[in-house]
């Protein structure tokens, strides 16, 4: 692993990169914040989606506690699931630890001086970290907080004390027995009766008998209060232990939070209006505008192309160009539709645009775009 640090005015920037003999991949950016609230420097590692440099769209953000331990596998899960259309592309902000017991514990316990810093850490998130992330990156308003063990306890603390800060939570084996089940008692007193903006809370536990009683009590409080707008799921994973459970919990938690995200089988063939309606419904559910993705419109366009419905294919691909004008792929697809419809001059224009953008973004499909462009040039010179 190679690490490069570049000094900025208020924070440090760097790249985490994995190198091989063939090529190098950037997997994260390091930012070190000089926190006035915490009175210390605090590092975060930021993953941005592959499409980040190719579009101007905004992305939901997962704030990941115990960032050093979970950045690699959590960002990998996000990349894998989003690439399969199971969830949106997402920014991951992994917060590195200095003293997790202090940061995540809600009360000071006698004989343990480094406890009771959760309120301070909460203000660091709300007043320093989140504003910085939303200023520096194209983040949309949807935020997920993910924490394991003490971090899971902090997720419950955040829900009860700053309920409007996050839209969804993944609490992995939360340590709710801390200080004589303090957070369970807080839940009975502070859990709202109504969450107008909607909240989703996913909680797991492995083969960890000591956790069952407090987590069960927390579940009972939620069931008894039945808050409006509060979706809750508690999953026991008996094949996992305290160390192994985070990976599966993050995968299954995101799967639950984004249940229904992928466009149903067959709906693509219902046409553009049906696709747009699906994403309009998702926009209403998640509280921000979600456009029909480029790849979904491409699937519809190629379905028309395969059926030799060339005019419909051109119409859909032109719509994709309109929505994603900075993508090289949309111009290449439009060129293919024009070519199949014997509109060779229009095809050449589209292929040239694909090559121009593809060269700028160093697209891995540049060879294909160039081949298509040269073929059209030869065709028109005949």
Protein backbone atom coordinates (compact mmCIF):
# COMPACT_ATOMS: atom_id res chain seq x y z
CA UNK A 1 0.00 0.00 0.00
CA UNK A 2 1.25 3.47 -0.90
CA UNK A 3 0.23 6.61 0.93
CA UNK A 4 0.71 10.22 -0.16
CA UNK A 5 -0.19 13.21 2.00
CA UNK A 6 -0.76 16.70 0.61
CA UNK A 7 -1.00 19.52 3.15
CA UNK A 8 -3.96 21.91 2.88
CA UNK A 9 -4.91 24.91 5.00
CA UNK A 10 -7.25 23.27 7.49
CA UNK A 11 -6.91 19.60 6.71
CA UNK A 12 -4.61 17.07 5.09
CA UNK A 13 -5.49 15.28 1.89
CA UNK A 14 -4.14 12.00 0.65
CA UNK A 15 -4.97 8.98 -1.45
CA UNK A 16 -5.11 5.38 -0.40
CA UNK A 17 -4.01 3.41 -3.44
CA UNK A 18 -3.46 -0.23 -4.19
CA UNK A 19 -0.66 -0.89 -6.64
CA UNK A 20 0.07 -3.85 -8.89
CA UNK A 21 2.58 -4.37 -11.66
CA UNK A 22 -0.15 -3.63 -14.19
CA UNK A 23 -2.01 -0.63 -12.79
CA UNK A 24 -2.96 1.35 -9.70
CA UNK A 25 -6.41 1.89 -8.22
CA UNK A 26 -7.40 4.74 -5.92
CA UNK A 27 -9.77 3.50 -3.24
CA UNK A 28 -10.00 6.42 -0.85
CA UNK A 29 -9.02 9.93 0.12
CA UNK A 30 -7.65 10.75 3.57
CA UNK A 31 -8.72 13.99 5.23
CA UNK A 32 -7.41 15.07 8.62
CA UNK A 33 -9.66 17.59 10.35
CA UNK A 34 -8.46 19.95 13.03
CA UNK A 35 -11.50 19.63 15.30
CA UNK A 36 -12.13 22.46 17.72
CA UNK A 37 -14.95 20.49 19.34
CA UNK A 38 -12.83 17.41 20.03
CA UNK A 39 -9.68 19.41 20.63
CA UNK A 40 -7.65 17.11 18.39
CA UNK A 41 -6.94 16.12 14.81
CA UNK A 42 -9.35 13.51 13.53
CA UNK A 43 -8.83 11.49 10.36
CA UNK A 44 -11.48 10.32 7.95
CA UNK A 45 -11.20 8.15 4.84
CA UNK A 46 -13.57 8.98 1.98
CA UNK A 47 -14.65 6.63 -0.79
CA UNK A 48 -16.36 8.17 -3.81
CA UNK A 49 -18.09 6.12 -6.55
CA UNK A 50 -16.44 5.41 -9.87
CA UNK A 51 -18.93 7.71 -11.60
CA UNK A 52 -18.08 10.65 -9.34
CA UNK A 53 -15.65 12.28 -11.78
CA UNK A 54 -17.84 11.55 -14.81
CA UNK A 55 -21.09 13.16 -13.67
CA UNK A 56 -22.41 16.06 -11.65
CA UNK A 57 -24.92 14.01 -9.70
CA UNK A 58 -25.12 13.94 -5.91
CA UNK A 59 -24.81 10.87 -3.70
CA UNK A 60 -26.12 9.63 -0.35
CA UNK A 61 -23.47 9.26 2.36
CA UNK A 62 -22.70 6.48 4.80
CA UNK A 63 -20.91 7.69 7.93
CA UNK A 64 -18.93 4.70 9.17
CA UNK A 65 -17.69 4.49 12.76
CA UNK A 66 -14.50 2.53 13.56
CA UNK A 67 -13.38 3.62 10.13
CA UNK A 68 -9.93 2.01 10.20
CA UNK A 69 -11.46 -1.42 10.80
CA UNK A 70 -14.34 -1.23 8.34
CA UNK A 71 -13.45 1.12 5.47
CA UNK A 72 -12.17 -1.50 3.01
CA UNK A 73 -14.92 -4.07 3.32
CA UNK A 74 -17.77 -1.52 3.69
CA UNK A 75 -16.73 0.50 0.63
CA UNK A 76 -16.34 -2.79 -1.27
CA UNK A 77 -19.90 -3.78 -0.35
CA UNK A 78 -21.20 -0.41 -1.53
CA UNK A 79 -19.30 -0.67 -4.81
CA UNK A 80 -20.48 -4.23 -5.44
CA UNK A 81 -24.15 -3.67 -4.60
CA UNK A 82 -24.43 -0.38 -6.48
CA UNK A 83 -22.77 -1.85 -9.56
CA UNK A 84 -25.49 -4.55 -9.57
CA UNK A 85 -28.29 -2.02 -9.29
CA UNK A 86 -29.21 -3.14 -5.75
CA UNK A 87 -28.68 0.30 -4.23
CA UNK A 88 -27.53 3.75 -5.36
CA UNK A 89 -23.89 4.67 -5.69
CA UNK A 90 -22.80 6.14 -2.38
CA UNK A 91 -20.06 8.13 -0.69
CA UNK A 92 -18.54 6.37 2.34
CA UNK A 93 -17.00 8.51 5.10
CA UNK A 94 -15.02 6.30 7.50
CA UNK A 95 -14.12 8.00 10.77
CA UNK A 96 -10.85 6.90 12.31
CA UNK A 97 -10.68 6.27 16.06
CA UNK A 98 -8.64 8.05 18.68
CA UNK A 99 -10.48 6.84 21.80
CA UNK A 100 -13.62 4.97 20.82
CA UNK A 101 -14.68 4.28 24.41
CA UNK A 102 -14.72 8.01 25.14
CA UNK A 103 -16.37 9.00 21.85
CA UNK A 104 -19.14 6.40 21.84
CA UNK A 105 -20.09 6.10 25.53
CA UNK A 106 -23.06 8.25 26.63
CA UNK A 107 -22.21 8.54 30.35
CA UNK A 108 -19.16 8.88 32.57
CA UNK A 109 -18.65 5.72 34.62
CA UNK A 110 -16.92 5.88 38.00
CA UNK A 111 -13.33 4.70 37.81
CA UNK A 112 -13.27 5.09 33.98
CA UNK A 113 -12.18 8.68 33.27
CA UNK A 114 -12.17 8.27 29.48
CA UNK A 115 -15.93 7.77 29.20
CA UNK A 116 -18.97 9.92 28.56
CA UNK A 117 -17.88 11.68 25.37
CA UNK A 118 -20.80 10.73 23.10
CA UNK A 119 -22.46 14.14 23.30
CA UNK A 120 -19.21 15.86 22.32
CA UNK A 121 -18.65 13.41 19.46
CA UNK A 122 -22.24 13.99 18.33
CA UNK A 123 -21.52 17.72 18.03
CA UNK A 124 -18.36 16.94 16.07
CA UNK A 125 -20.46 15.02 13.55
CA UNK A 126 -23.27 17.55 13.27
CA UNK A 127 -21.29 20.80 13.47
CA UNK A 128 -17.94 19.96 11.85
CA UNK A 129 -17.76 16.70 9.92
CA UNK A 130 -21.07 16.65 8.08
CA UNK A 131 -20.85 20.32 7.01
CA UNK A 132 -17.31 19.70 5.75
CA UNK A 133 -18.33 16.60 3.78
CA UNK A 134 -21.34 18.36 2.26
CA UNK A 135 -19.21 21.34 1.27
CA UNK A 136 -16.31 19.39 -0.20
CA UNK A 137 -18.24 16.51 -1.85
CA UNK A 138 -21.44 16.28 -3.88
CA UNK A 139 -23.47 14.78 -1.06
CA UNK A 140 -27.26 14.72 -1.11
CA UNK A 141 -29.36 14.96 2.08
CA UNK A 142 -29.71 11.18 2.68
CA UNK A 143 -27.36 10.01 5.45
CA UNK A 144 -26.75 6.56 6.97
CA UNK A 145 -24.91 6.00 10.24
CA UNK A 146 -23.21 2.61 10.71
CA UNK A 147 -21.57 1.41 13.91
CA UNK A 148 -20.43 -1.84 15.53
CA UNK A 149 -20.49 -2.68 19.25
CA UNK A 150 -19.74 0.61 21.05
CA UNK A 151 -20.32 2.23 17.66
CA UNK A 152 -23.70 0.52 17.50
CA UNK A 153 -24.53 1.95 20.91
CA UNK A 154 -23.60 5.38 19.57
CA UNK A 155 -26.01 4.82 16.66
CA UNK A 156 -28.81 4.42 19.23
CA UNK A 157 -27.53 7.54 21.03
CA UNK A 158 -27.68 9.51 17.77
CA UNK A 159 -31.20 8.27 17.02
CA UNK A 160 -32.47 9.40 20.41
CA UNK A 161 -30.56 12.68 20.72
CA UNK A 162 -30.25 13.97 17.13
CA UNK A 163 -33.12 12.18 15.38
CA UNK A 164 -33.11 14.47 12.35
CA UNK A 165 -29.42 14.11 11.55
CA UNK A 166 -29.53 10.65 9.93
CA UNK A 167 -32.16 8.96 7.79
CA UNK A 168 -31.07 5.36 8.39
CA UNK A 169 -28.94 3.38 10.82
CA UNK A 170 -27.11 0.07 10.82
CA UNK A 171 -26.43 -0.86 14.46
CA UNK A 172 -24.26 -3.98 14.59
CA UNK A 173 -24.27 -5.82 17.93
CA UNK A 174 -24.83 -2.52 19.77
CA UNK A 175 -23.36 -2.54 23.28
CA UNK A 176 -26.60 -1.50 24.97
CA UNK A 177 -25.67 -3.10 28.30
CA UNK A 178 -23.23 -0.24 28.95
CA UNK A 179 -23.80 1.50 32.30
CA UNK A 180 -26.60 -0.78 33.43
CA UNK A 181 -28.53 -0.66 30.12
CA UNK A 182 -28.49 3.14 30.09
CA UNK A 183 -29.43 3.53 26.41
CA UNK A 184 -32.36 1.11 26.78
CA UNK A 185 -33.76 3.31 29.55
CA UNK A 186 -33.14 6.37 27.37
CA UNK A 187 -35.07 4.75 24.55
CA UNK A 188 -38.16 4.41 26.72
CA UNK A 189 -37.98 8.11 27.56
CA UNK A 190 -36.75 9.64 24.29
CA UNK A 191 -38.04 7.56 21.40
CA UNK A 192 -40.36 9.81 19.42
CA UNK A 193 -43.93 8.89 18.66
CA UNK A 194 -43.64 10.25 15.14
CA UNK A 195 -40.79 10.61 12.62
CA UNK A 196 -42.31 12.75 9.85
CA UNK A 197 -39.26 12.47 7.60
CA UNK A 198 -39.06 8.69 8.01
CA UNK A 199 -36.31 6.72 9.74
CA UNK A 200 -34.99 3.20 9.12
CA UNK A 201 -33.15 1.31 11.86
CA UNK A 202 -31.49 -2.05 11.18
CA UNK A 203 -30.02 -3.91 14.16
CA UNK A 204 -28.17 -7.22 14.31
CA UNK A 205 -26.59 -9.56 16.84
CA UNK A 206 -24.51 -12.70 16.42
CA UNK A 207 -23.99 -15.66 18.72
CA UNK A 208 -23.55 -13.25 21.64
CA UNK A 209 -25.83 -14.29 24.54
CA UNK A 210 -24.81 -11.34 26.74
CA UNK A 211 -26.36 -8.99 24.17
CA UNK A 212 -29.73 -10.69 23.89
CA UNK A 213 -31.42 -9.19 26.99
CA UNK A 214 -30.70 -5.49 26.37
CA UNK A 215 -31.32 -5.74 22.61
CA UNK A 216 -34.56 -7.62 23.23
CA UNK A 217 -35.65 -4.92 25.68
CA UNK A 218 -34.86 -2.23 23.10
CA UNK A 219 -36.90 -4.12 20.50
CA UNK A 220 -39.84 -4.39 22.92
CA UNK A 221 -39.84 -0.63 23.54
CA UNK A 222 -39.99 0.04 19.81
CA UNK A 223 -42.80 -2.47 19.36
CA UNK A 224 -44.78 -0.99 22.25
CA UNK A 225 -44.36 2.61 21.12
CA UNK A 226 -44.77 1.81 17.39
CA UNK A 227 -43.54 5.23 16.22
CA UNK A 228 -45.11 6.56 13.05
CA UNK A 229 -42.59 6.74 10.21
CA UNK A 230 -40.13 4.45 11.99
CA UNK A 231 -39.10 1.25 10.20
CA UNK A 232 -37.25 -1.24 12.40
CA UNK A 233 -35.69 -4.63 11.77
CA UNK A 234 -33.82 -6.77 14.30
CA UNK A 235 -31.92 -9.73 12.88
CA UNK A 236 -30.15 -12.49 14.81
CA UNK A 237 -27.23 -14.06 12.96
CA UNK A 238 -26.35 -17.17 14.98
CA UNK A 239 -23.60 -18.23 12.57
CA UNK A 240 -21.68 -15.00 13.22
CA UNK A 241 -19.64 -13.93 16.24
CA UNK A 242 -18.81 -10.45 17.51
CA UNK A 243 -15.81 -10.15 15.21
CA UNK A 244 -17.34 -11.58 12.04
CA UNK A 245 -20.78 -9.96 12.11
CA UNK A 246 -20.00 -6.46 10.70
CA UNK A 247 -19.54 -7.53 7.07
CA UNK A 248 -22.78 -9.45 6.75
CA UNK A 249 -24.67 -6.81 8.74
CA UNK A 250 -23.58 -3.98 6.45
CA UNK A 251 -24.51 -5.98 3.35
CA UNK A 252 -27.90 -7.09 4.65
CA UNK A 253 -28.58 -3.71 6.24
CA UNK A 254 -28.06 -1.86 2.97
CA UNK A 255 -30.11 -4.52 1.20
CA UNK A 256 -32.98 -3.84 3.63
CA UNK A 257 -32.68 -0.05 3.52
CA UNK A 258 -32.76 -0.17 -0.28
CA UNK A 259 -35.33 -2.91 -0.67
CA UNK A 260 -37.18 -2.23 -3.91
CA UNK A 261 -34.41 -0.04 -5.31
CA UNK A 262 -33.69 -2.14 -8.36
CA UNK A 263 -36.15 -1.83 -11.18
CA UNK A 264 -38.38 -4.96 -11.26
CA UNK A 265 -37.95 -7.55 -13.96
CA UNK A 266 -40.06 -6.65 -16.95
CA UNK A 267 -40.66 -3.00 -16.01
CA UNK A 268 -37.91 -1.85 -18.35
CA UNK A 269 -39.89 -3.27 -21.24
CA UNK A 270 -42.90 -1.19 -20.12
CA UNK A 271 -41.14 1.86 -21.51
CA UNK A 272 -39.71 5.19 -20.44
CA UNK A 273 -42.78 6.38 -18.53
CA UNK A 274 -42.81 3.27 -16.34
CA UNK A 275 -39.10 3.64 -15.62
CA UNK A 276 -39.51 7.31 -14.71
CA UNK A 277 -42.41 6.45 -12.40
CA UNK A 278 -40.33 3.83 -10.57
CA UNK A 279 -37.65 6.39 -9.76
CA UNK A 280 -40.23 9.05 -8.91
CA UNK A 281 -41.60 6.63 -6.30
CA UNK A 282 -38.08 6.10 -4.94
CA UNK A 283 -37.57 9.87 -4.79
CA UNK A 284 -40.66 10.16 -2.61
CA UNK A 285 -39.49 7.33 -0.34
CA UNK A 286 -35.95 8.62 0.21
CA UNK A 287 -36.72 12.33 0.20
CA UNK A 288 -34.56 13.58 -2.66
CA UNK A 289 -34.68 13.56 -6.46
CA UNK A 290 -33.55 10.26 -7.93
CA UNK A 291 -33.17 10.29 -11.69
CA UNK A 292 -33.58 7.21 -13.84
CA UNK A 293 -30.01 5.88 -14.10
CA UNK A 294 -28.08 6.00 -17.32
CA UNK A 295 -27.65 2.23 -17.45
CA UNK A 296 -31.42 1.62 -17.10
CA UNK A 297 -32.25 3.92 -20.01
CA UNK A 298 -29.51 2.19 -21.97
CA UNK A 299 -31.13 -1.18 -21.31
CA UNK A 300 -34.41 0.14 -22.68
CA UNK A 301 -32.68 1.64 -25.71
CA UNK A 302 -30.93 -1.61 -26.53
CA UNK A 303 -34.17 -3.54 -26.08
CA UNK A 304 -35.68 -1.36 -28.81
CA UNK A 305 -32.52 -1.77 -30.89
CA UNK A 306 -32.65 -5.55 -30.62
CA UNK A 307 -36.27 -5.49 -31.82
CA UNK A 308 -35.22 -3.24 -34.71
CA UNK A 309 -37.41 -0.41 -33.40
CA UNK A 310 -34.75 2.09 -34.37
CA UNK A 311 -36.72 5.31 -33.98
CA UNK A 312 -37.70 4.37 -30.42
CA UNK A 313 -34.10 3.43 -29.66
CA UNK A 314 -32.88 6.80 -30.95
CA UNK A 315 -35.51 8.61 -28.88
CA UNK A 316 -34.43 6.85 -25.65
CA UNK A 317 -30.71 7.27 -26.29
CA UNK A 318 -31.25 10.98 -27.06
CA UNK A 319 -33.03 11.28 -23.73
CA UNK A 320 -30.04 9.64 -22.06
CA UNK A 321 -27.73 12.18 -23.73
CA UNK A 322 -29.93 14.97 -22.45
CA UNK A 323 -29.81 13.65 -18.89
CA UNK A 324 -26.17 12.55 -18.83
CA UNK A 325 -24.32 14.83 -21.27
CA UNK A 326 -20.93 14.22 -19.61
CA UNK A 327 -21.01 10.46 -20.18
CA UNK A 328 -19.09 9.08 -23.15
CA UNK A 329 -21.17 5.91 -23.19
CA UNK A 330 -24.49 7.63 -23.95
CA UNK A 331 -23.07 9.12 -27.17
CA UNK A 332 -21.65 5.79 -28.26
CA UNK A 333 -25.03 4.11 -27.74
CA UNK A 334 -26.80 6.86 -29.65
CA UNK A 335 -24.27 6.47 -32.45
CA UNK A 336 -25.04 2.78 -32.63
CA UNK A 337 -28.77 3.49 -32.96
CA UNK A 338 -28.16 6.03 -35.72
CA UNK A 339 -25.87 3.58 -37.51
CA UNK A 340 -28.48 0.82 -37.40
CA UNK A 341 -31.01 3.28 -38.82
CA UNK A 342 -28.63 4.14 -41.69
CA UNK A 343 -28.14 7.69 -40.40
CA UNK A 344 -24.39 7.54 -40.83
CA UNK A 345 -23.55 11.25 -40.54
CA UNK A 346 -25.43 11.49 -37.23
CA UNK A 347 -23.74 8.29 -36.09
CA UNK A 348 -20.29 9.73 -36.82
CA UNK A 349 -21.09 12.88 -34.82
CA UNK A 350 -22.13 10.80 -31.84
CA UNK A 351 -19.10 8.52 -32.04
CA UNK A 352 -16.79 11.54 -32.25
CA UNK A 353 -18.40 12.94 -29.10
CA UNK A 354 -17.93 9.61 -27.33
CA UNK A 355 -14.23 9.58 -28.28
CA UNK A 356 -13.75 13.19 -27.16
CA UNK A 357 -15.29 12.63 -23.74
CA UNK A 358 -13.81 9.15 -23.42
CA UNK A 359 -10.32 10.53 -24.04
CA UNK A 360 -10.78 13.19 -21.41
CA UNK A 361 -12.05 10.76 -18.77
CA UNK A 362 -9.63 7.99 -19.84
CA UNK A 363 -12.52 5.58 -20.36
CA UNK A 364 -11.72 1.88 -20.49
CA UNK A 365 -14.07 1.76 -23.52
CA UNK A 366 -12.09 4.29 -25.53
CA UNK A 367 -10.79 1.65 -27.94
CA UNK A 368 -14.38 0.64 -28.74
CA UNK A 369 -15.45 4.25 -29.25
CA UNK A 370 -12.48 4.90 -31.55
CA UNK A 371 -13.16 1.75 -33.57
CA UNK A 372 -16.79 2.79 -34.07
CA UNK A 373 -15.75 6.29 -35.15
CA UNK A 374 -13.20 5.02 -37.67
CA UNK A 375 -15.71 2.57 -39.09
CA UNK A 376 -18.18 5.39 -39.73
CA UNK A 377 -15.48 7.51 -41.38
CA UNK A 378 -14.71 4.65 -43.76
CA UNK A 379 -18.40 4.09 -44.40
CA UNK A 380 -18.97 7.72 -45.33
CA UNK A 381 -15.88 7.82 -47.58
CA UNK A 382 -17.09 4.93 -49.73
